[in-house]
Amino acid sequence: MENENAQIALFEHFSIEPIHEKYAWRMCDFVTINTKRLQRYFPKTLAANLNPTLSQIFVEEKVREYMKREEFLFVLKDNESRALIGLVYIKELDWEKRQAELAYCIGYQYEGKGITSLAVDTLSKYAIKELGLKTLNIIAHKTNTGSVRVAEKCGYTWRKQLPKEHTPPNEAPLDMELYVLSV
């Protein structure tokens, strides 16, 4: 496996890198700035990064999981400011079935610029080519039109509705939509 400092992809305005300990402060900043965006669909990430100490623990755990191939967290980094602008997880890995789920979020200032689609497409190809996965899933709520657009733009097809799949904090369970990319 590549070095944890290895850049996965470099684009004009941003890069994709595996999570690394150096991102703890930036993770805390990202979560603080985007709390409202994260609270519904990324409550665990939000809760684990509410202050710099928690972020350090979170990032160290994600680096360990990455190195053990249990879960892969990638950061999207602005090339100019070096700020963390988004996250993409490759999670729920099943090595026997060679499948995983992608989950992603982008900072509000970077929404609608095609960054998420480019990152998800790049990391979907990475998951297939470098990790040997055959089936990738994206789970999105039908009202999260940005996430649905990303899934469709990246070649994922709607497969089925997952009843009561996700329970946001202080809300009733939500039915979610399953999008699948298979090779």
N, C-alpha and C. Protein backbone atom coordinates (compact mmCIF):
# COMPACT_ATOMS: atom_id res chain seq x y z
N MET A 1 0.85 -1.19 0.00
CA MET A 1 0.00 0.00 0.00
C MET A 1 0.89 1.24 0.00
N GLU A 2 0.37 2.30 -0.60
CA GLU A 2 1.16 3.52 -0.70
C GLU A 2 1.39 4.15 0.67
N ASN A 3 2.41 4.95 0.71
CA ASN A 3 2.73 5.71 1.92
C ASN A 3 1.55 6.59 2.29
N GLU A 4 1.31 6.75 3.58
CA GLU A 4 0.17 7.57 4.01
C GLU A 4 0.29 9.03 3.58
N ASN A 5 1.47 9.46 3.18
CA ASN A 5 1.64 10.83 2.68
C ASN A 5 1.39 10.94 1.18
N ALA A 6 1.20 9.80 0.53
CA ALA A 6 1.08 9.80 -0.93
C ALA A 6 -0.18 10.54 -1.37
N GLN A 7 0.01 11.37 -2.36
CA GLN A 7 -1.11 12.08 -2.94
C GLN A 7 -1.80 11.14 -3.93
N ILE A 8 -3.10 11.03 -3.84
CA ILE A 8 -3.85 10.17 -4.74
C ILE A 8 -4.06 10.88 -6.08
N ALA A 9 -4.39 12.17 -6.02
CA ALA A 9 -4.64 12.92 -7.24
C ALA A 9 -4.42 14.41 -6.99
N LEU A 10 -3.94 15.08 -8.02
CA LEU A 10 -3.73 16.53 -7.97
C LEU A 10 -4.49 17.16 -9.13
N PHE A 11 -5.35 18.09 -8.80
CA PHE A 11 -6.12 18.82 -9.80
C PHE A 11 -5.74 20.29 -9.74
N GLU A 12 -6.33 21.08 -10.60
CA GLU A 12 -5.97 22.49 -10.66
C GLU A 12 -6.16 23.21 -9.32
N HIS A 13 -7.28 22.96 -8.66
CA HIS A 13 -7.59 23.71 -7.44
C HIS A 13 -7.55 22.89 -6.15
N PHE A 14 -7.49 21.58 -6.26
CA PHE A 14 -7.49 20.75 -5.04
C PHE A 14 -6.74 19.45 -5.28
N SER A 15 -6.42 18.80 -4.16
CA SER A 15 -5.78 17.49 -4.23
C SER A 15 -6.52 16.52 -3.32
N ILE A 16 -6.30 15.24 -3.56
CA ILE A 16 -6.87 14.18 -2.74
C ILE A 16 -5.72 13.45 -2.09
N GLU A 17 -5.77 13.34 -0.76
CA GLU A 17 -4.71 12.66 -0.02
C GLU A 17 -5.32 11.75 1.04
N PRO A 18 -4.64 10.66 1.37
CA PRO A 18 -5.08 9.85 2.51
C PRO A 18 -5.00 10.67 3.79
N ILE A 19 -5.83 10.34 4.74
CA ILE A 19 -5.80 11.01 6.04
C ILE A 19 -4.41 10.84 6.65
N HIS A 20 -3.96 11.85 7.34
CA HIS A 20 -2.64 11.85 7.99
C HIS A 20 -2.76 12.67 9.26
N GLU A 21 -1.92 12.36 10.25
CA GLU A 21 -1.97 13.06 11.53
C GLU A 21 -1.88 14.58 11.39
N LYS A 22 -1.21 15.04 10.36
CA LYS A 22 -1.04 16.48 10.19
C LYS A 22 -2.38 17.19 9.93
N TYR A 23 -3.44 16.44 9.66
CA TYR A 23 -4.73 17.06 9.36
C TYR A 23 -5.63 17.26 10.58
N ALA A 24 -5.18 16.96 11.77
CA ALA A 24 -6.05 17.06 12.94
C ALA A 24 -6.62 18.46 13.13
N TRP A 25 -5.79 19.48 13.11
CA TRP A 25 -6.28 20.85 13.29
C TRP A 25 -7.20 21.25 12.15
N ARG A 26 -6.79 20.90 10.94
CA ARG A 26 -7.60 21.26 9.77
C ARG A 26 -8.95 20.53 9.79
N MET A 27 -8.96 19.31 10.32
CA MET A 27 -10.21 18.56 10.44
C MET A 27 -11.15 19.29 11.40
N CYS A 28 -10.61 19.72 12.51
CA CYS A 28 -11.42 20.46 13.48
C CYS A 28 -11.96 21.75 12.84
N ASP A 29 -11.12 22.46 12.13
CA ASP A 29 -11.57 23.68 11.44
C ASP A 29 -12.68 23.38 10.44
N PHE A 30 -12.50 22.34 9.63
CA PHE A 30 -13.49 21.97 8.62
C PHE A 30 -14.84 21.66 9.27
N VAL A 31 -14.82 20.86 10.32
CA VAL A 31 -16.05 20.47 11.00
C VAL A 31 -16.72 21.69 11.65
N THR A 32 -15.93 22.54 12.27
CA THR A 32 -16.49 23.73 12.92
C THR A 32 -17.18 24.64 11.91
N ILE A 33 -16.53 24.87 10.78
CA ILE A 33 -17.09 25.73 9.75
C ILE A 33 -18.34 25.12 9.12
N ASN A 34 -18.38 23.79 9.03
CA ASN A 34 -19.46 23.10 8.31
C ASN A 34 -20.39 22.30 9.21
N THR A 35 -20.50 22.70 10.47
CA THR A 35 -21.32 21.95 11.43
C THR A 35 -22.72 21.68 10.90
N LYS A 36 -23.39 22.70 10.41
CA LYS A 36 -24.77 22.51 9.94
C LYS A 36 -24.84 21.54 8.76
N ARG A 37 -23.85 21.55 7.90
CA ARG A 37 -23.83 20.64 6.76
C ARG A 37 -23.62 19.19 7.19
N LEU A 38 -22.88 19.00 8.27
CA LEU A 38 -22.49 17.66 8.68
C LEU A 38 -23.47 17.01 9.67
N GLN A 39 -24.25 17.81 10.38
CA GLN A 39 -25.00 17.26 11.51
C GLN A 39 -26.03 16.20 11.12
N ARG A 40 -26.60 16.28 9.92
CA ARG A 40 -27.63 15.32 9.54
C ARG A 40 -27.07 14.00 9.02
N TYR A 41 -26.06 14.06 8.15
CA TYR A 41 -25.58 12.84 7.50
C TYR A 41 -24.20 12.39 7.97
N PHE A 42 -23.48 13.23 8.71
CA PHE A 42 -22.17 12.87 9.24
C PHE A 42 -22.08 13.18 10.74
N PRO A 43 -23.09 12.73 11.52
CA PRO A 43 -23.09 13.09 12.95
C PRO A 43 -21.91 12.50 13.73
N LYS A 44 -21.44 11.33 13.34
CA LYS A 44 -20.31 10.72 14.06
C LYS A 44 -19.02 11.48 13.78
N THR A 45 -18.81 11.86 12.53
CA THR A 45 -17.63 12.65 12.18
C THR A 45 -17.68 13.98 12.90
N LEU A 46 -18.84 14.60 12.93
CA LEU A 46 -19.01 15.88 13.61
C LEU A 46 -18.70 15.75 15.11
N ALA A 47 -19.31 14.77 15.76
CA ALA A 47 -19.12 14.60 17.20
C ALA A 47 -17.67 14.28 17.55
N ALA A 48 -16.97 13.62 16.65
CA ALA A 48 -15.58 13.21 16.92
C ALA A 48 -14.57 14.31 16.64
N ASN A 49 -15.05 15.49 16.20
CA ASN A 49 -14.11 16.55 15.82
C ASN A 49 -14.52 17.92 16.34
N LEU A 50 -15.16 17.97 17.47
CA LEU A 50 -15.67 19.23 18.00
C LEU A 50 -14.60 20.13 18.61
N ASN A 51 -13.44 19.57 18.89
CA ASN A 51 -12.33 20.39 19.38
C ASN A 51 -11.02 19.74 18.92
N PRO A 52 -9.92 20.47 19.01
CA PRO A 52 -8.65 19.93 18.49
C PRO A 52 -8.21 18.62 19.13
N THR A 53 -8.48 18.42 20.40
CA THR A 53 -8.09 17.18 21.07
C THR A 53 -8.87 16.01 20.49
N LEU A 54 -10.18 16.19 20.34
CA LEU A 54 -11.00 15.13 19.74
C LEU A 54 -10.57 14.85 18.31
N SER A 55 -10.26 15.90 17.56
CA SER A 55 -9.82 15.72 16.18
C SER A 55 -8.52 14.93 16.11
N GLN A 56 -7.60 15.18 17.02
CA GLN A 56 -6.35 14.44 17.03
C GLN A 56 -6.61 12.95 17.25
N ILE A 57 -7.49 12.63 18.19
CA ILE A 57 -7.85 11.23 18.46
C ILE A 57 -8.52 10.61 17.23
N PHE A 58 -9.47 11.35 16.64
CA PHE A 58 -10.18 10.88 15.46
C PHE A 58 -9.22 10.58 14.31
N VAL A 59 -8.35 11.53 14.02
CA VAL A 59 -7.42 11.38 12.90
C VAL A 59 -6.47 10.22 13.15
N GLU A 60 -5.95 10.09 14.36
CA GLU A 60 -5.06 8.97 14.66
C GLU A 60 -5.76 7.63 14.44
N GLU A 61 -7.03 7.55 14.86
CA GLU A 61 -7.81 6.32 14.66
C GLU A 61 -8.04 6.05 13.17
N LYS A 62 -8.34 7.09 12.41
CA LYS A 62 -8.58 6.92 10.96
C LYS A 62 -7.29 6.53 10.23
N VAL A 63 -6.16 7.03 10.67
CA VAL A 63 -4.88 6.62 10.08
C VAL A 63 -4.64 5.14 10.37
N ARG A 64 -4.91 4.71 11.61
CA ARG A 64 -4.75 3.28 11.96
C ARG A 64 -5.66 2.41 11.09
N GLU A 65 -6.93 2.83 10.95
CA GLU A 65 -7.88 2.07 10.14
C GLU A 65 -7.42 2.02 8.68
N TYR A 66 -6.88 3.11 8.19
CA TYR A 66 -6.38 3.16 6.82
C TYR A 66 -5.24 2.15 6.64
N MET A 67 -4.30 2.18 7.56
CA MET A 67 -3.14 1.29 7.46
C MET A 67 -3.54 -0.18 7.59
N LYS A 68 -4.59 -0.45 8.34
CA LYS A 68 -5.07 -1.83 8.51
C LYS A 68 -6.05 -2.22 7.40
N ARG A 69 -6.35 -1.29 6.49
CA ARG A 69 -7.29 -1.51 5.40
C ARG A 69 -8.70 -1.82 5.89
N GLU A 70 -9.08 -1.20 7.00
CA GLU A 70 -10.42 -1.37 7.56
C GLU A 70 -11.38 -0.29 7.05
N GLU A 71 -10.85 0.89 6.84
CA GLU A 71 -11.62 2.02 6.31
C GLU A 71 -10.61 3.01 5.75
N PHE A 72 -10.97 3.66 4.65
CA PHE A 72 -10.07 4.62 4.03
C PHE A 72 -10.73 5.99 4.05
N LEU A 73 -10.08 6.93 4.70
CA LEU A 73 -10.57 8.31 4.71
C LEU A 73 -9.59 9.16 3.91
N PHE A 74 -10.14 9.90 2.96
CA PHE A 74 -9.34 10.80 2.13
C PHE A 74 -9.79 12.23 2.38
N VAL A 75 -8.82 13.12 2.36
CA VAL A 75 -9.13 14.54 2.51
C VAL A 75 -9.00 15.22 1.16
N LEU A 76 -9.87 16.18 0.93
CA LEU A 76 -9.77 17.05 -0.24
C LEU A 76 -9.18 18.33 0.29
N LYS A 77 -8.08 18.75 -0.31
CA LYS A 77 -7.32 19.89 0.20
C LYS A 77 -7.21 20.97 -0.87
N ASP A 78 -7.54 22.20 -0.49
CA ASP A 78 -7.39 23.34 -1.39
C ASP A 78 -5.90 23.55 -1.65
N ASN A 79 -5.52 23.62 -2.91
CA ASN A 79 -4.10 23.73 -3.25
C ASN A 79 -3.49 25.06 -2.83
N GLU A 80 -4.27 26.12 -2.84
CA GLU A 80 -3.73 27.43 -2.50
C GLU A 80 -3.66 27.65 -0.99
N SER A 81 -4.79 27.47 -0.30
CA SER A 81 -4.83 27.74 1.14
C SER A 81 -4.38 26.55 1.98
N ARG A 82 -4.36 25.36 1.37
CA ARG A 82 -4.05 24.10 2.05
C ARG A 82 -5.12 23.69 3.05
N ALA A 83 -6.25 24.39 3.05
CA ALA A 83 -7.36 24.06 3.94
C ALA A 83 -8.02 22.75 3.50
N LEU A 84 -8.54 22.05 4.46
CA LEU A 84 -9.31 20.86 4.18
C LEU A 84 -10.69 21.33 3.70
N ILE A 85 -11.11 20.87 2.52
CA ILE A 85 -12.37 21.35 1.95
C ILE A 85 -13.42 20.26 1.80
N GLY A 86 -13.05 19.01 2.02
CA GLY A 86 -14.01 17.93 1.91
C GLY A 86 -13.41 16.62 2.35
N LEU A 87 -14.28 15.63 2.47
CA LEU A 87 -13.88 14.29 2.90
C LEU A 87 -14.54 13.26 2.00
N VAL A 88 -13.84 12.17 1.75
CA VAL A 88 -14.43 11.02 1.08
C VAL A 88 -13.99 9.78 1.85
N TYR A 89 -14.97 9.02 2.31
CA TYR A 89 -14.71 7.76 2.99
C TYR A 89 -14.92 6.61 2.02
N ILE A 90 -14.05 5.61 2.08
CA ILE A 90 -14.33 4.29 1.52
C ILE A 90 -14.47 3.41 2.74
N LYS A 91 -15.72 3.01 3.01
CA LYS A 91 -16.01 2.36 4.30
C LYS A 91 -16.91 1.13 4.08
N GLU A 92 -17.28 0.51 5.17
CA GLU A 92 -18.11 -0.70 5.12
C GLU A 92 -17.50 -1.71 4.14
N LEU A 93 -16.19 -1.86 4.26
CA LEU A 93 -15.46 -2.76 3.36
C LEU A 93 -15.79 -4.22 3.65
N ASP A 94 -16.05 -4.96 2.60
CA ASP A 94 -16.23 -6.40 2.68
C ASP A 94 -15.26 -6.99 1.65
N TRP A 95 -14.10 -7.42 2.16
CA TRP A 95 -13.04 -7.89 1.26
C TRP A 95 -13.41 -9.18 0.56
N GLU A 96 -14.24 -10.03 1.21
CA GLU A 96 -14.65 -11.28 0.56
C GLU A 96 -15.56 -10.99 -0.63
N LYS A 97 -16.51 -10.10 -0.45
CA LYS A 97 -17.43 -9.73 -1.54
C LYS A 97 -16.81 -8.68 -2.46
N ARG A 98 -15.67 -8.10 -2.01
CA ARG A 98 -14.97 -7.05 -2.76
C ARG A 98 -15.90 -5.86 -3.02
N GLN A 99 -16.51 -5.40 -1.93
CA GLN A 99 -17.40 -4.25 -2.04
C GLN A 99 -17.18 -3.28 -0.89
N ALA A 100 -17.62 -2.04 -1.10
CA ALA A 100 -17.50 -1.00 -0.08
C ALA A 100 -18.52 0.09 -0.38
N GLU A 101 -18.63 0.99 0.56
CA GLU A 101 -19.51 2.16 0.42
C GLU A 101 -18.64 3.42 0.37
N LEU A 102 -19.03 4.37 -0.47
CA LEU A 102 -18.40 5.68 -0.48
C LEU A 102 -19.34 6.67 0.20
N ALA A 103 -18.78 7.51 1.04
CA ALA A 103 -19.54 8.59 1.67
C ALA A 103 -18.69 9.85 1.52
N TYR A 104 -19.33 10.98 1.27
CA TYR A 104 -18.58 12.19 0.95
C TYR A 104 -19.31 13.43 1.43
N CYS A 105 -18.50 14.45 1.69
CA CYS A 105 -19.04 15.75 2.06
C CYS A 105 -18.06 16.82 1.57
N ILE A 106 -18.61 17.99 1.33
CA ILE A 106 -17.80 19.10 0.83
C ILE A 106 -18.15 20.34 1.64
N GLY A 107 -17.18 21.19 1.87
CA GLY A 107 -17.42 22.44 2.58
C GLY A 107 -18.37 23.33 1.80
N TYR A 108 -19.18 24.09 2.51
CA TYR A 108 -20.21 24.89 1.86
C TYR A 108 -19.65 25.87 0.83
N GLN A 109 -18.41 26.37 1.06
CA GLN A 109 -17.83 27.33 0.11
C GLN A 109 -17.46 26.68 -1.22
N TYR A 110 -17.36 25.35 -1.25
CA TYR A 110 -16.89 24.64 -2.43
C TYR A 110 -18.00 23.85 -3.13
N GLU A 111 -19.19 23.95 -2.61
CA GLU A 111 -20.33 23.25 -3.19
C GLU A 111 -20.64 23.77 -4.59
N GLY A 112 -21.08 22.86 -5.45
CA GLY A 112 -21.52 23.25 -6.79
C GLY A 112 -20.41 23.56 -7.78
N LYS A 113 -19.17 23.18 -7.46
CA LYS A 113 -18.04 23.48 -8.35
C LYS A 113 -17.50 22.24 -9.05
N GLY A 114 -18.17 21.10 -8.84
CA GLY A 114 -17.73 19.86 -9.47
C GLY A 114 -16.63 19.13 -8.74
N ILE A 115 -16.19 19.68 -7.62
CA ILE A 115 -15.09 19.07 -6.86
C ILE A 115 -15.49 17.71 -6.32
N THR A 116 -16.67 17.61 -5.74
CA THR A 116 -17.11 16.34 -5.15
C THR A 116 -17.22 15.27 -6.22
N SER A 117 -17.82 15.61 -7.35
CA SER A 117 -17.96 14.62 -8.44
C SER A 117 -16.60 14.15 -8.91
N LEU A 118 -15.67 15.06 -9.08
CA LEU A 118 -14.33 14.70 -9.54
C LEU A 118 -13.63 13.80 -8.50
N ALA A 119 -13.78 14.15 -7.23
CA ALA A 119 -13.16 13.34 -6.17
C ALA A 119 -13.79 11.96 -6.08
N VAL A 120 -15.12 11.88 -6.12
CA VAL A 120 -15.80 10.58 -6.03
C VAL A 120 -15.46 9.72 -7.23
N ASP A 121 -15.45 10.30 -8.42
CA ASP A 121 -15.09 9.55 -9.61
C ASP A 121 -13.65 9.02 -9.50
N THR A 122 -12.73 9.88 -9.09
CA THR A 122 -11.33 9.50 -8.94
C THR A 122 -11.17 8.38 -7.90
N LEU A 123 -11.84 8.52 -6.77
CA LEU A 123 -11.69 7.52 -5.71
C LEU A 123 -12.47 6.24 -6.01
N SER A 124 -13.51 6.33 -6.81
CA SER A 124 -14.19 5.10 -7.26
C SER A 124 -13.24 4.29 -8.13
N LYS A 125 -12.56 4.96 -9.05
CA LYS A 125 -11.58 4.29 -9.91
C LYS A 125 -10.42 3.74 -9.08
N TYR A 126 -9.98 4.50 -8.09
CA TYR A 126 -8.93 4.06 -7.18
C TYR A 126 -9.36 2.78 -6.44
N ALA A 127 -10.60 2.78 -5.94
CA ALA A 127 -11.10 1.62 -5.19
C ALA A 127 -11.14 0.36 -6.05
N ILE A 128 -11.46 0.55 -7.32
CA ILE A 128 -11.53 -0.59 -8.23
C ILE A 128 -10.13 -1.03 -8.64
N LYS A 129 -9.32 -0.08 -9.09
CA LYS A 129 -7.99 -0.42 -9.62
C LYS A 129 -6.99 -0.79 -8.53
N GLU A 130 -6.89 0.04 -7.50
CA GLU A 130 -5.85 -0.15 -6.47
C GLU A 130 -6.27 -1.08 -5.34
N LEU A 131 -7.55 -1.05 -4.98
CA LEU A 131 -8.01 -1.88 -3.86
C LEU A 131 -8.65 -3.18 -4.33
N GLY A 132 -8.93 -3.29 -5.62
CA GLY A 132 -9.50 -4.52 -6.16
C GLY A 132 -10.97 -4.72 -5.84
N LEU A 133 -11.68 -3.65 -5.54
CA LEU A 133 -13.10 -3.77 -5.24
C LEU A 133 -13.90 -3.89 -6.54
N LYS A 134 -15.03 -4.58 -6.46
CA LYS A 134 -15.86 -4.82 -7.64
C LYS A 134 -17.21 -4.10 -7.56
N THR A 135 -17.68 -3.83 -6.36
CA THR A 135 -18.97 -3.17 -6.19
C THR A 135 -18.83 -2.04 -5.19
N LEU A 136 -19.27 -0.85 -5.60
CA LEU A 136 -19.23 0.32 -4.73
C LEU A 136 -20.64 0.84 -4.55
N ASN A 137 -20.97 1.21 -3.33
CA ASN A 137 -22.29 1.72 -3.00
C ASN A 137 -22.21 3.15 -2.53
N ILE A 138 -23.22 3.92 -2.87
CA ILE A 138 -23.42 5.25 -2.30
C ILE A 138 -24.85 5.25 -1.76
N ILE A 139 -24.99 5.70 -0.54
CA ILE A 139 -26.31 5.78 0.09
C ILE A 139 -26.62 7.25 0.32
N ALA A 140 -27.73 7.71 -0.25
CA ALA A 140 -28.09 9.13 -0.16
C ALA A 140 -29.59 9.26 0.10
N HIS A 141 -29.96 10.36 0.73
CA HIS A 141 -31.38 10.65 0.90
C HIS A 141 -31.88 11.34 -0.35
N LYS A 142 -33.09 11.01 -0.76
CA LYS A 142 -33.61 11.55 -2.03
C LYS A 142 -33.68 13.08 -2.04
N THR A 143 -33.78 13.71 -0.87
CA THR A 143 -33.82 15.18 -0.84
C THR A 143 -32.43 15.80 -0.88
N ASN A 144 -31.39 14.98 -0.73
CA ASN A 144 -30.02 15.47 -0.82
C ASN A 144 -29.63 15.44 -2.30
N THR A 145 -30.18 16.40 -3.05
CA THR A 145 -30.03 16.39 -4.51
C THR A 145 -28.57 16.50 -4.95
N GLY A 146 -27.75 17.21 -4.20
CA GLY A 146 -26.33 17.30 -4.54
C GLY A 146 -25.67 15.94 -4.49
N SER A 147 -25.94 15.18 -3.46
CA SER A 147 -25.35 13.86 -3.31
C SER A 147 -25.86 12.90 -4.39
N VAL A 148 -27.14 12.97 -4.68
CA VAL A 148 -27.72 12.14 -5.72
C VAL A 148 -27.09 12.47 -7.07
N ARG A 149 -26.92 13.75 -7.37
CA ARG A 149 -26.29 14.17 -8.63
C ARG A 149 -24.86 13.64 -8.74
N VAL A 150 -24.12 13.71 -7.64
CA VAL A 150 -22.75 13.19 -7.64
C VAL A 150 -22.76 11.70 -7.98
N ALA A 151 -23.61 10.94 -7.31
CA ALA A 151 -23.68 9.49 -7.56
C ALA A 151 -23.98 9.21 -9.03
N GLU A 152 -24.98 9.88 -9.56
CA GLU A 152 -25.38 9.64 -10.95
C GLU A 152 -24.30 10.10 -11.93
N LYS A 153 -23.70 11.25 -11.67
CA LYS A 153 -22.66 11.79 -12.55
C LYS A 153 -21.44 10.86 -12.59
N CYS A 154 -21.21 10.14 -11.50
CA CYS A 154 -20.06 9.24 -11.42
C CYS A 154 -20.37 7.83 -11.90
N GLY A 155 -21.55 7.64 -12.51
CA GLY A 155 -21.87 6.35 -13.09
C GLY A 155 -22.56 5.36 -12.18
N TYR A 156 -22.92 5.78 -10.98
CA TYR A 156 -23.67 4.91 -10.07
C TYR A 156 -25.13 4.90 -10.51
N THR A 157 -25.78 3.74 -10.39
CA THR A 157 -27.18 3.65 -10.77
C THR A 157 -28.03 3.34 -9.55
N TRP A 158 -29.22 3.91 -9.54
CA TRP A 158 -30.15 3.67 -8.43
C TRP A 158 -30.52 2.20 -8.43
N ARG A 159 -30.45 1.58 -7.25
CA ARG A 159 -30.76 0.16 -7.15
C ARG A 159 -32.06 -0.07 -6.39
N LYS A 160 -32.18 0.57 -5.19
CA LYS A 160 -33.39 0.36 -4.39
C LYS A 160 -33.43 1.34 -3.23
N GLN A 161 -34.59 1.41 -2.61
CA GLN A 161 -34.73 2.20 -1.39
C GLN A 161 -34.40 1.32 -0.19
N LEU A 162 -33.69 1.89 0.77
CA LEU A 162 -33.33 1.18 2.01
C LEU A 162 -34.17 1.76 3.14
N PRO A 163 -35.23 1.06 3.55
CA PRO A 163 -36.11 1.60 4.60
C PRO A 163 -35.39 1.82 5.92
N LYS A 164 -35.62 2.99 6.49
CA LYS A 164 -35.09 3.34 7.82
C LYS A 164 -33.60 3.06 7.95
N GLU A 165 -32.84 3.39 6.94
CA GLU A 165 -31.41 3.09 6.86
C GLU A 165 -30.54 4.00 7.72
N HIS A 166 -30.97 5.25 7.89
CA HIS A 166 -30.14 6.23 8.61
C HIS A 166 -31.01 7.02 9.58
N THR A 167 -30.50 7.17 10.79
CA THR A 167 -31.22 7.96 11.80
C THR A 167 -30.37 9.15 12.20
N PRO A 168 -30.71 10.33 11.66
CA PRO A 168 -30.00 11.54 12.07
C PRO A 168 -30.30 11.88 13.53
N PRO A 169 -29.43 12.64 14.17
CA PRO A 169 -29.69 13.02 15.56
C PRO A 169 -31.03 13.75 15.69
N ASN A 170 -31.80 13.35 16.66
CA ASN A 170 -33.08 13.99 17.00
C ASN A 170 -34.09 13.94 15.86
N GLU A 171 -33.99 12.94 15.00
CA GLU A 171 -34.95 12.76 13.92
C GLU A 171 -35.40 11.30 13.87
N ALA A 172 -36.51 11.07 13.20
CA ALA A 172 -36.97 9.71 12.95
C ALA A 172 -36.06 9.08 11.89
N PRO A 173 -36.00 7.75 11.87
CA PRO A 173 -35.19 7.08 10.84
C PRO A 173 -35.64 7.49 9.43
N LEU A 174 -34.66 7.60 8.55
CA LEU A 174 -34.92 8.00 7.17
C LEU A 174 -34.75 6.84 6.21
N ASP A 175 -35.63 6.77 5.21
CA ASP A 175 -35.42 5.85 4.10
C ASP A 175 -34.34 6.48 3.23
N MET A 176 -33.40 5.67 2.79
CA MET A 176 -32.29 6.16 1.97
C MET A 176 -32.31 5.43 0.63
N GLU A 177 -31.63 6.03 -0.34
CA GLU A 177 -31.57 5.46 -1.68
C GLU A 177 -30.18 4.85 -1.89
N LEU A 178 -30.16 3.65 -2.46
CA LEU A 178 -28.91 2.95 -2.72
C LEU A 178 -28.54 3.09 -4.19
N TYR A 179 -27.34 3.61 -4.44
CA TYR A 179 -26.77 3.73 -5.78
C TYR A 179 -25.56 2.80 -5.84
N VAL A 180 -25.40 2.10 -6.96
CA VAL A 180 -24.38 1.06 -7.07
C VAL A 180 -23.56 1.26 -8.34
N LEU A 181 -22.26 1.04 -8.20
CA LEU A 181 -21.34 0.98 -9.34
C LEU A 181 -20.68 -0.39 -9.28
N SER A 182 -20.84 -1.18 -10.34
CA SER A 182 -20.27 -2.53 -10.37
C SER A 182 -19.37 -2.66 -11.60
N VAL A 183 -18.30 -3.45 -11.42
CA VAL A 183 -17.42 -3.73 -12.55
C VAL A 183 -17.36 -5.23 -12.79
